[in-house]
Every structure is written in C-alpha cells, then in structure tokens.
C-alpha cells in the first residue's frame, strides 16, 4: 500500500462520510439558521431572478437564430448553452480573495461577480490600516482591511480585553473615532460581538457614511495569526439602499457576510503541506504532493504543456502566447478565455459551470469548474504581458477526494510581481464585453 498517498488523501479529505453540513449559527443580523454553512462553495447562483433572465435569453436566442437565413437549427441548443453560460459567468459568478501579502494568510468568498478590483498597501489618513482592497460588482462593493492586533486579549487598540467588551462599548468606540473622511455624516447603525468556530475576537458593525453609503463589516483574528485583525466589508448598491428602511438595510447588508463570507474564511496556506510548487514564468502553481511529471509537450505557436499524474488525478499546466485578440491594456484576456472555455465542448462538456474571479493578492484570475459525466474538471487561468498560464486538474468521480480541497489547490497562485499590482485597477469576470472597446481601461 502507498502510505504516502493514503496520508495525502487523508489531508485532502476523503469524501466518505463527509456529507454532514452545518447550518449558520452566529449572532449577526441577517444570519439564517436554515442556510447550510457550505453554501459559499456554490459559485453558481440560481434564483428566481436568474431563471427569469435565463428564460428571456433562451427566447431571444431562439427567435434571433430562427429568423437568420441559412441558420442550422441543430446548433440552437449549443448557442443557447453558450449564451446562458456567458451570462452566468459575467453577472452571477462569485469572487474569491486569497491574501498572503503584508502578513496575511486568509481565503474567503463573496457571493457576487467582480467587475473590477484594486488593492492598496496603505489607507491614506487611516494610519491603523496596513492594507486594504476589494472589488466592485453588480450587487455592491466587496472589500477588506488588515489592521494590527495587539498580542493578548485586548481588542485592537481599544485597551479593553475582548472578553470584557460589550456591544455598547464597541459602538461607542466606533462612533468616537476621529474620522477624516465623511466625518460629518458618519454614524454607527449597529454593532455587536459574535463567536464562530474558525475565528477569534469576532465583532460586527454597520456604519453609515451618508444616506447612500452604508457598509457592513465583520472583524476578527484567526488562531494562527493573533496579531492580524481582518475586516471584511460589504456595501449594497446605492440605488437599492434608497428603497429600503433601516432595519432591512442592516439585515440585507450583514446577511451575505454572516451566511456566505464568514463560513468561507479559512487559512489560505493550509494546502501547502500536501502540495508542491511548480514555477512557470512569474507564477507558481501548486500540484499534489505525490504528482509526477510524466511528459512535456511543445506545440506549434509556442504552446507548452506539462502533464502531471497523481493516481487517477491528472494535472496539466499550459503556457501559451497571448493571441492577436488579447490586449493587455484593455485587459480582455480573461474574457477571451471565458469565450474559448464555454465554446469548447471538450472543456465545458455542455454542462453548467461554476465560475469565479479569484484575486491572489493583486492578481486577478479566472476559475472554472465542471462536473462532467465521468470526471470533475478544475481550471484556473492567469496572465502576464506576453502569455496566458492555465492550470487544469481532472478527477474521476470514483476518486473519493473532496472537490473543495482540490479547488483550493488550483486557485492558489503566487505571483512574483504582486507589489507592482497595487494601486492599479484590474478587471474581473464581471466586466461586460462592451467595455473592452474603451481605451481608458488600464
């Protein structure tokens, strides 16, 4: 018996007996005990609204093509699939943040698509913030802050032991902060403490900077990083806020933080012990610890492919020159690969996919996941100024390893030029194609 492989699979989480899923049980407004704690793992949003939009797309694609002279009606199912999948990826995908720079070591998921994102190494007048960033989506703004946390039980720089901190004290501390920005309109709509198994020193608050700018935050440390305080933030779209009363605003702002973001929080580097690093250009990917390089190919056009094998699990890392349609200035590379992925029967397999924009610090990447008839496919693609780098992993369904653990491996990419990405707007999955004709996008 290959004991090294058995141990590695144990670290990955054998799926036997792993069907148990816990509900959300946390004292934050909007928390819903009927929601499974692993809901964040579903990157594909299927709601009444998405179904209505999808039915409209199907109707339009059908009508447009039926009236097209010479159209082969046998292609209609393919065209419907491609169009609805493109809509899902752009408007209803998820956003994953993997932060390692500036002492961070965290991964978390937001249930909204990223149109664009940006990160900073400081927060201007807010000296206590050592790093912040986030992404803008159709459904609001998603952001994060890192702040220093004193050793011991004290909550941030308050001087108050966390175990003695009350909700009233927390609200007072937040209200009394000397706010440089929006100080005349700044107010705290609610604040409190919470406990959750994977984090420590948990607090939440929701602040109004003006009537259209209301931000909910969950704040915590992690057991392996007691001196880093994470602040994860969500703000609803301004046009939506105007239609709601304050009680609903508080509930709907905090709900995604309580039900999706908090359960998704994990230590990013947990995958390191059972993986090995593979360097390609300025990037480093992770393959399974016992994966062996079985062959390499160099194909016409400059495409190179390295093939790895770990039991029945296959991994491929490909490097291809950017095509004539790819424009680094317009940042259309992820969108172009999305079109290629959806349009490839071999990759998409005609199945509904899971889509996410993954931010490895300042680096945006496109993530795809397909559950096919015989195997699951995990794909992550990133790019630099000259090449696109894509990691493929396939796992047959009879291999009982957690798909979620394999997803964590594929999404984890390090970039030696991370520092160059600060203060630069980058595009995610959610940027509509019409924006790529605008030369002002850099």
Protein backbone atom coordinates (compact mmCIF):
# COMPACT_ATOMS: atom_id res chain seq x y z
CA UNK A 1 0.00 0.00 0.00
CA UNK A 2 1.20 3.53 -0.87
CA UNK A 3 1.03 5.04 2.61
CA UNK A 4 2.29 8.45 1.45
CA UNK A 5 -0.64 8.65 -0.91
CA UNK A 6 -3.11 7.47 1.75
CA UNK A 7 -1.86 10.19 4.12
CA UNK A 8 -2.06 12.82 1.37
CA UNK A 9 -5.61 11.81 0.53
CA UNK A 10 -6.48 11.99 4.21
CA UNK A 11 -5.26 15.59 4.32
CA UNK A 12 -7.34 16.37 1.26
CA UNK A 13 -10.45 14.99 2.94
CA UNK A 14 -11.81 11.65 1.78
CA UNK A 15 -15.40 12.24 0.81
CA UNK A 16 -16.67 9.11 2.59
CA UNK A 17 -18.86 10.31 5.47
CA UNK A 18 -18.37 13.97 4.62
CA UNK A 19 -21.97 14.66 3.75
CA UNK A 20 -22.67 16.45 7.02
CA UNK A 21 -23.22 20.16 6.56
CA UNK A 22 -23.74 22.55 9.44
CA UNK A 23 -26.18 25.45 9.44
CA UNK A 24 -25.22 29.05 10.14
CA UNK A 25 -25.41 29.71 13.89
CA UNK A 26 -23.93 33.12 14.64
CA UNK A 27 -25.25 36.23 16.37
CA UNK A 28 -25.02 38.65 13.47
CA UNK A 29 -28.05 40.41 11.93
CA UNK A 30 -29.27 38.58 8.85
CA UNK A 31 -27.79 35.22 9.86
CA UNK A 32 -30.12 32.43 8.72
CA UNK A 33 -30.03 29.09 10.52
CA UNK A 34 -31.72 27.41 7.55
CA UNK A 35 -28.72 28.13 5.30
CA UNK A 36 -26.05 25.46 5.04
CA UNK A 37 -22.60 26.55 6.21
CA UNK A 38 -21.07 25.36 2.93
CA UNK A 39 -23.36 27.39 0.69
CA UNK A 40 -20.39 29.59 -0.20
CA UNK A 41 -18.96 26.63 -2.12
CA UNK A 42 -21.68 27.00 -4.75
CA UNK A 43 -20.41 29.64 -7.17
CA UNK A 44 -23.44 29.29 -9.40
CA UNK A 45 -26.35 31.48 -8.35
CA UNK A 46 -29.73 30.08 -9.35
CA UNK A 47 -32.51 32.30 -8.05
CA UNK A 48 -35.95 33.29 -9.33
CA UNK A 49 -34.36 36.37 -10.93
CA UNK A 50 -31.64 34.41 -12.72
CA UNK A 51 -34.18 31.91 -14.00
CA UNK A 52 -36.36 34.72 -15.40
CA UNK A 53 -33.36 36.28 -17.14
CA UNK A 54 -32.28 32.91 -18.49
CA UNK A 55 -35.72 32.27 -19.95
CA UNK A 56 -35.56 35.68 -21.66
CA UNK A 57 -32.14 34.82 -23.09
CA UNK A 58 -33.39 31.47 -24.40
CA UNK A 59 -36.35 33.18 -26.04
CA UNK A 60 -34.21 35.87 -27.68
CA UNK A 61 -31.50 33.48 -28.90
CA UNK A 62 -34.17 31.17 -30.33
CA UNK A 63 -36.05 33.98 -32.10
CA UNK A 64 -32.89 35.63 -33.47
CA UNK A 65 -31.49 32.41 -34.89
CA UNK A 66 -34.75 31.06 -36.28
CA UNK A 67 -35.07 34.23 -38.35
CA UNK A 68 -31.47 34.04 -39.57
CA UNK A 69 -31.16 33.00 -43.19
CA UNK A 70 -29.34 29.69 -43.59
CA UNK A 71 -29.12 29.03 -39.84
CA UNK A 72 -28.64 25.36 -38.92
CA UNK A 73 -31.32 24.78 -36.29
CA UNK A 74 -29.34 21.82 -34.91
CA UNK A 75 -26.91 24.40 -33.47
CA UNK A 76 -29.60 26.06 -31.36
CA UNK A 77 -29.01 24.03 -28.14
CA UNK A 78 -25.28 24.87 -28.36
CA UNK A 79 -25.96 28.58 -28.91
CA UNK A 80 -28.44 28.71 -26.04
CA UNK A 81 -25.95 26.97 -23.75
CA UNK A 82 -23.11 29.30 -24.71
CA UNK A 83 -25.17 32.45 -24.24
CA UNK A 84 -26.71 31.47 -20.90
CA UNK A 85 -23.32 30.35 -19.56
CA UNK A 86 -21.72 33.64 -20.59
CA UNK A 87 -24.49 35.48 -18.76
CA UNK A 88 -23.95 33.39 -15.61
CA UNK A 89 -20.20 33.94 -15.62
CA UNK A 90 -20.41 37.70 -16.06
CA UNK A 91 -23.34 38.52 -13.80
CA UNK A 92 -23.74 35.66 -11.34
CA UNK A 93 -20.29 34.26 -10.58
CA UNK A 94 -18.52 34.51 -7.22
CA UNK A 95 -15.45 36.39 -6.03
CA UNK A 96 -12.67 34.65 -4.10
CA UNK A 97 -9.92 36.53 -2.25
CA UNK A 98 -6.66 34.78 -1.35
CA UNK A 99 -4.46 37.18 0.63
CA UNK A 100 -0.87 36.46 1.63
CA UNK A 101 0.98 39.77 1.31
CA UNK A 102 1.65 42.01 4.36
CA UNK A 103 1.41 39.12 6.81
CA UNK A 104 -2.00 37.94 5.63
CA UNK A 105 -2.93 34.26 5.30
CA UNK A 106 -6.61 34.05 4.52
CA UNK A 107 -9.05 32.87 1.88
CA UNK A 108 -12.69 33.93 1.74
CA UNK A 109 -15.55 34.08 -0.76
CA UNK A 110 -18.05 36.79 -1.66
CA UNK A 111 -21.24 35.68 -3.48
CA UNK A 112 -21.03 38.34 -6.18
CA UNK A 113 -19.25 38.81 -9.50
CA UNK A 114 -16.19 41.08 -9.75
CA UNK A 115 -16.40 43.79 -12.37
CA UNK A 116 -13.08 45.28 -11.32
CA UNK A 117 -10.78 45.31 -8.30
CA UNK A 118 -7.94 47.26 -6.76
CA UNK A 119 -5.64 46.96 -3.73
CA UNK A 120 -3.53 49.38 -1.72
CA UNK A 121 -0.65 48.95 0.71
CA UNK A 122 -1.86 51.77 2.96
CA UNK A 123 -5.08 53.62 3.62
CA UNK A 124 -4.04 57.26 3.47
CA UNK A 125 -5.30 59.08 6.56
CA UNK A 126 -6.32 55.85 8.29
CA UNK A 127 -2.92 55.01 9.73
CA UNK A 128 -4.20 51.95 11.58
CA UNK A 129 -4.97 50.19 8.27
CA UNK A 130 -1.91 48.37 6.93
CA UNK A 131 -3.51 47.15 3.72
CA UNK A 132 -6.87 47.29 2.02
CA UNK A 133 -8.57 46.49 -1.27
CA UNK A 134 -11.62 44.97 -2.84
CA UNK A 135 -13.80 44.61 -5.89
CA UNK A 136 -16.83 46.31 -7.39
CA UNK A 137 -19.72 44.11 -8.51
CA UNK A 138 -23.21 44.45 -9.92
CA UNK A 139 -24.56 43.74 -6.44
CA UNK A 140 -22.40 46.17 -4.48
CA UNK A 141 -18.86 46.63 -3.22
CA UNK A 142 -16.75 43.92 -1.59
CA UNK A 143 -13.65 44.97 0.32
CA UNK A 144 -11.21 44.09 3.10
CA UNK A 145 -8.82 45.77 5.52
CA UNK A 146 -5.88 44.47 7.54
CA UNK A 147 -5.16 46.11 10.90
CA UNK A 148 -2.62 45.30 13.60
CA UNK A 149 -3.99 43.42 16.60
CA UNK A 150 -2.08 43.63 19.92
CA UNK A 151 -0.95 40.38 21.47
CA UNK A 152 -3.08 39.09 24.29
CA UNK A 153 -6.79 39.57 24.87
CA UNK A 154 -7.06 43.30 24.08
CA UNK A 155 -9.44 44.14 21.23
CA UNK A 156 -7.45 46.05 18.60
CA UNK A 157 -6.18 49.37 20.03
CA UNK A 158 -9.09 49.88 22.44
CA UNK A 159 -7.23 48.87 25.62
CA UNK A 160 -10.28 46.76 26.55
CA UNK A 161 -9.95 42.98 26.91
CA UNK A 162 -12.13 41.31 24.30
CA UNK A 163 -13.84 39.15 26.92
CA UNK A 164 -14.97 42.31 28.73
CA UNK A 165 -16.02 44.23 25.61
CA UNK A 166 -19.75 44.93 25.30
CA UNK A 167 -21.82 45.89 22.28
CA UNK A 168 -22.43 49.36 23.73
CA UNK A 169 -18.70 49.88 24.31
CA UNK A 170 -17.94 48.72 20.78
CA UNK A 171 -20.47 51.10 19.28
CA UNK A 172 -19.14 53.98 21.37
CA UNK A 173 -15.54 53.23 20.35
CA UNK A 174 -16.51 53.23 16.70
CA UNK A 175 -18.57 56.41 16.97
CA UNK A 176 -15.76 58.25 18.76
CA UNK A 177 -13.12 57.51 16.18
CA UNK A 178 -11.73 60.61 14.55
CA UNK A 179 -12.93 60.04 11.02
CA UNK A 180 -11.02 62.06 8.45
CA UNK A 181 -13.43 61.12 5.66
CA UNK A 182 -17.22 61.68 5.86
CA UNK A 183 -16.84 62.78 9.47
CA UNK A 184 -19.94 64.99 9.42
CA UNK A 185 -22.27 62.23 8.24
CA UNK A 186 -20.62 59.22 9.88
CA UNK A 187 -22.78 57.18 12.25
CA UNK A 188 -22.98 53.61 13.53
CA UNK A 189 -26.29 51.90 12.80
CA UNK A 190 -25.45 48.79 14.78
CA UNK A 191 -22.57 46.86 16.36
CA UNK A 192 -22.01 43.72 18.37
CA UNK A 193 -19.84 40.73 19.16
CA UNK A 194 -20.06 37.23 17.71
CA UNK A 195 -18.42 33.85 18.07
CA UNK A 196 -17.69 31.37 15.29
CA UNK A 197 -15.60 28.18 15.42
CA UNK A 198 -12.95 29.23 12.89
CA UNK A 199 -12.21 32.79 14.10
CA UNK A 200 -11.42 34.70 17.28
CA UNK A 201 -12.29 38.14 18.70
CA UNK A 202 -15.28 38.48 16.41
CA UNK A 203 -17.16 41.79 16.14
CA UNK A 204 -19.56 43.22 13.58
CA UNK A 205 -20.69 46.73 12.78
CA UNK A 206 -22.63 48.62 10.15
CA UNK A 207 -21.73 52.24 9.50
CA UNK A 208 -23.44 54.98 7.52
CA UNK A 209 -21.13 57.46 5.82
CA UNK A 210 -24.10 59.15 4.17
CA UNK A 211 -27.61 58.08 3.18
CA UNK A 212 -26.30 56.18 0.13
CA UNK A 213 -23.05 54.78 1.52
CA UNK A 214 -23.68 52.15 4.19
CA UNK A 215 -21.10 49.47 4.90
CA UNK A 216 -21.37 46.32 6.96
CA UNK A 217 -18.24 44.72 8.41
CA UNK A 218 -17.23 41.54 10.20
CA UNK A 219 -13.96 41.81 12.11
CA UNK A 220 -11.89 39.01 13.62
CA UNK A 221 -8.49 37.44 14.11
CA UNK A 222 -7.54 33.88 13.22
CA UNK A 223 -5.99 31.33 15.60
CA UNK A 224 -2.77 31.11 13.59
CA UNK A 225 -2.48 34.90 13.21
CA UNK A 226 -3.39 36.54 16.53
CA UNK A 227 -1.70 39.85 15.64
CA UNK A 228 -3.62 40.50 12.40
CA UNK A 229 -7.18 41.81 12.51
CA UNK A 230 -9.23 41.17 9.36
CA UNK A 231 -12.12 43.46 8.44
CA UNK A 232 -14.33 42.07 5.64
CA UNK A 233 -16.79 44.59 4.25
CA UNK A 234 -19.88 44.66 2.06
CA UNK A 235 -21.88 47.65 0.79
CA UNK A 236 -25.13 47.23 -1.12
CA UNK A 237 -25.70 49.18 -4.36
CA UNK A 238 -26.76 52.74 -3.67
CA UNK A 239 -29.89 52.50 -5.80
CA UNK A 240 -31.07 49.53 -3.73
CA UNK A 241 -30.47 51.27 -0.39
CA UNK A 242 -32.78 54.12 -1.31
CA UNK A 243 -35.76 51.75 -1.48
CA UNK A 244 -35.27 50.12 1.96
CA UNK A 245 -35.91 51.05 5.58
CA UNK A 246 -33.05 50.97 8.10
CA UNK A 247 -33.94 47.60 9.62
CA UNK A 248 -33.96 45.96 6.20
CA UNK A 249 -30.73 47.70 5.20
CA UNK A 250 -28.96 46.32 8.28
CA UNK A 251 -30.30 42.79 7.70
CA UNK A 252 -29.60 42.70 3.96
CA UNK A 253 -26.13 44.23 4.31
CA UNK A 254 -24.99 41.86 7.04
CA UNK A 255 -26.69 38.75 5.61
CA UNK A 256 -24.07 37.84 2.96
CA UNK A 257 -21.29 38.49 5.47
CA UNK A 258 -22.89 36.18 8.04
CA UNK A 259 -24.18 33.45 5.73
CA UNK A 260 -21.54 33.27 3.00
CA UNK A 261 -18.37 35.19 3.79
CA UNK A 262 -17.81 34.14 7.42
CA UNK A 263 -18.28 30.38 6.81
CA UNK A 264 -15.88 30.62 3.85
CA UNK A 265 -12.99 32.02 5.92
CA UNK A 266 -10.03 29.65 6.04
CA UNK A 267 -6.24 29.70 6.26
CA UNK A 268 -5.01 30.03 2.68
CA UNK A 269 -1.75 28.19 3.31
CA UNK A 270 -3.47 25.06 4.66
CA UNK A 271 -2.95 23.48 1.23
CA UNK A 272 0.85 23.82 1.36
CA UNK A 273 1.67 20.63 3.35
CA UNK A 274 0.05 18.30 0.79
CA UNK A 275 1.15 20.13 -2.38
CA UNK A 276 4.34 21.02 -4.23
CA UNK A 277 5.20 24.23 -6.02
CA UNK A 278 5.62 24.39 -9.79
CA UNK A 279 7.07 27.57 -11.31
CA UNK A 280 6.00 28.88 -14.68
CA UNK A 281 7.23 32.31 -15.75
CA UNK A 282 6.49 34.77 -12.92
CA UNK A 283 3.86 32.45 -11.40
CA UNK A 284 3.92 29.48 -9.05
CA UNK A 285 1.14 26.89 -9.03
CA UNK A 286 0.56 24.01 -6.58
CA UNK A 287 0.25 20.37 -7.66
CA UNK A 288 -0.49 17.39 -5.43
CA UNK A 289 2.46 16.35 -3.29
CA UNK A 290 2.88 12.98 -4.97
CA UNK A 291 2.22 14.22 -8.52
CA UNK A 292 4.84 13.14 -11.02
CA UNK A 293 5.73 14.97 -14.21
CA UNK A 294 5.01 12.33 -16.85
CA UNK A 295 5.65 14.31 -20.04
CA UNK A 296 6.04 17.76 -21.57
CA UNK A 297 4.96 19.00 -24.98
CA UNK A 298 5.91 21.97 -27.12
CA UNK A 299 3.36 22.62 -29.82
CA UNK A 300 3.10 24.87 -32.82
CA UNK A 301 2.55 28.53 -31.98
CA UNK A 302 4.62 28.47 -28.80
CA UNK A 303 2.18 26.49 -26.63
CA UNK A 304 3.88 24.34 -23.97
CA UNK A 305 2.17 21.77 -21.75
CA UNK A 306 3.43 19.87 -18.72
CA UNK A 307 1.47 16.75 -17.73
CA UNK A 308 1.37 15.53 -14.11
CA UNK A 309 -0.21 12.44 -12.59
CA UNK A 310 -1.23 11.55 -9.05
CA UNK A 311 -3.02 8.20 -9.14
CA UNK A 312 -6.08 8.79 -11.30
CA UNK A 313 -5.91 12.56 -10.87
CA UNK A 314 -4.39 14.39 -13.82
CA UNK A 315 -2.89 17.89 -13.84
CA UNK A 316 -1.77 19.99 -16.81
CA UNK A 317 -0.08 23.37 -16.72
CA UNK A 318 -0.07 25.11 -20.09
CA UNK A 319 1.66 28.29 -21.20
CA UNK A 320 0.53 29.96 -24.41
CA UNK A 321 1.48 33.26 -26.05
CA UNK A 322 -1.30 35.83 -25.95
CA UNK A 323 -3.30 35.77 -29.18
CA UNK A 324 -3.79 38.64 -31.59
CA UNK A 325 -7.19 39.20 -29.97
CA UNK A 326 -5.71 39.56 -26.47
CA UNK A 327 -4.98 43.11 -25.35
CA UNK A 328 -3.18 43.59 -22.03
CA UNK A 329 -4.06 47.30 -22.00
CA UNK A 330 -7.78 46.58 -22.35
CA UNK A 331 -7.48 43.55 -20.04
CA UNK A 332 -9.68 41.34 -22.20
CA UNK A 333 -7.63 38.16 -21.67
CA UNK A 334 -9.88 36.59 -19.03
CA UNK A 335 -12.97 37.42 -21.06
CA UNK A 336 -11.45 35.91 -24.21
CA UNK A 337 -10.60 32.73 -22.35
CA UNK A 338 -14.13 32.62 -20.93
CA UNK A 339 -15.47 32.64 -24.50
CA UNK A 340 -13.00 29.93 -25.51
CA UNK A 341 -13.87 27.77 -22.50
CA UNK A 342 -17.63 27.98 -22.98
CA UNK A 343 -17.28 27.37 -26.71
CA UNK A 344 -15.12 24.27 -26.26
CA UNK A 345 -17.22 21.08 -25.94
CA UNK A 346 -14.14 19.26 -24.61
CA UNK A 347 -13.79 21.71 -21.71
CA UNK A 348 -17.34 22.83 -20.94
CA UNK A 349 -18.84 19.42 -21.81
CA UNK A 350 -22.15 21.18 -22.41
CA UNK A 351 -22.64 21.38 -18.63
CA UNK A 352 -23.44 24.33 -16.35
CA UNK A 353 -20.19 25.53 -14.81
CA UNK A 354 -19.08 27.14 -11.58
CA UNK A 355 -17.35 30.48 -12.25
CA UNK A 356 -15.32 32.78 -10.00
CA UNK A 357 -12.92 35.67 -10.23
CA UNK A 358 -10.05 34.74 -7.92
CA UNK A 359 -7.87 37.53 -6.54
CA UNK A 360 -4.49 36.19 -5.39
CA UNK A 361 -3.46 39.42 -3.67
CA UNK A 362 -3.33 41.87 -6.61
CA UNK A 363 -3.51 39.19 -9.32
CA UNK A 364 -6.89 38.50 -10.98
CA UNK A 365 -7.58 35.03 -12.32
CA UNK A 366 -10.50 33.18 -13.89
CA UNK A 367 -11.70 29.96 -12.30
CA UNK A 368 -13.96 27.33 -13.91
CA UNK A 369 -15.31 24.07 -12.52
CA UNK A 370 -17.30 21.45 -14.39
CA UNK A 371 -18.88 18.28 -13.06
CA UNK A 372 -18.92 16.07 -16.16
CA UNK A 373 -20.39 12.65 -16.71
CA UNK A 374 -17.19 10.83 -15.71
CA UNK A 375 -14.95 13.38 -14.02
CA UNK A 376 -14.75 16.85 -12.48
CA UNK A 377 -12.60 19.48 -14.16
CA UNK A 378 -10.97 22.39 -12.30
CA UNK A 379 -9.40 25.22 -14.31
CA UNK A 380 -7.53 28.37 -13.28
CA UNK A 381 -6.05 30.86 -15.74
CA UNK A 382 -3.90 33.96 -15.19
CA UNK A 383 -1.75 36.08 -17.48
CA UNK A 384 1.18 38.47 -17.73
CA UNK A 385 2.16 40.89 -20.50
CA UNK A 386 3.04 38.17 -23.00
CA UNK A 387 1.50 34.80 -22.03
CA UNK A 388 -1.53 33.11 -20.55
CA UNK A 389 -0.93 30.41 -17.93
CA UNK A 390 -3.64 27.79 -17.34
CA UNK A 391 -3.81 25.02 -14.76
CA UNK A 392 -6.14 22.07 -15.46
CA UNK A 393 -6.93 19.33 -12.95
CA UNK A 394 -9.27 16.42 -13.65
CA UNK A 395 -10.56 13.98 -11.06
CA UNK A 396 -12.66 10.90 -11.91
CA UNK A 397 -15.81 10.57 -9.84
CA UNK A 398 -14.62 7.26 -8.38
CA UNK A 399 -11.71 9.05 -6.65
CA UNK A 400 -13.13 9.98 -3.26
CA UNK A 401 -11.25 13.20 -2.57
CA UNK A 402 -13.04 16.42 -1.69
CA UNK A 403 -13.60 18.58 -4.76
CA UNK A 404 -13.45 21.62 -2.49
CA UNK A 405 -9.92 20.76 -1.38
CA UNK A 406 -8.81 20.33 -4.97
CA UNK A 407 -10.43 23.66 -5.78
CA UNK A 408 -8.32 25.29 -3.07
CA UNK A 409 -5.18 23.89 -4.67
CA UNK A 410 -5.99 25.01 -8.20
CA UNK A 411 -6.96 28.53 -7.14
CA UNK A 412 -3.77 29.15 -5.13
CA UNK A 413 -1.33 31.04 -7.37
CA UNK A 414 1.62 33.16 -6.28
CA UNK A 415 2.99 35.97 -8.44
CA UNK A 416 6.48 37.39 -8.04
CA UNK A 417 5.32 40.81 -9.28
CA UNK A 418 2.49 41.19 -6.75
CA UNK A 419 3.92 44.50 -5.50
CA UNK A 420 3.58 46.00 -8.98
CA UNK A 421 -0.17 45.38 -8.88
CA UNK A 422 -1.02 47.78 -6.06
CA UNK A 423 -2.89 50.99 -6.98
CA UNK A 424 -3.81 49.51 -10.37
CA UNK A 425 -7.37 48.76 -11.40
CA UNK A 426 -7.74 45.20 -12.69
CA UNK A 427 -10.75 43.64 -14.41
CA UNK A 428 -12.57 40.52 -13.27
CA UNK A 429 -15.17 38.21 -14.82
CA UNK A 430 -17.96 40.73 -14.39
CA UNK A 431 -16.74 43.33 -16.88
CA UNK A 432 -19.13 43.29 -19.86
CA UNK A 433 -17.50 42.85 -23.26
CA UNK A 434 -18.62 46.27 -24.47
CA UNK A 435 -16.15 47.84 -22.03
CA UNK A 436 -13.17 46.38 -23.85
CA UNK A 437 -13.56 48.89 -26.66
CA UNK A 438 -12.90 51.70 -24.19
CA UNK A 439 -9.22 52.60 -24.28
CA UNK A 440 -9.50 54.33 -20.93
CA UNK A 441 -9.45 50.95 -19.18
CA UNK A 442 -5.87 50.30 -17.98
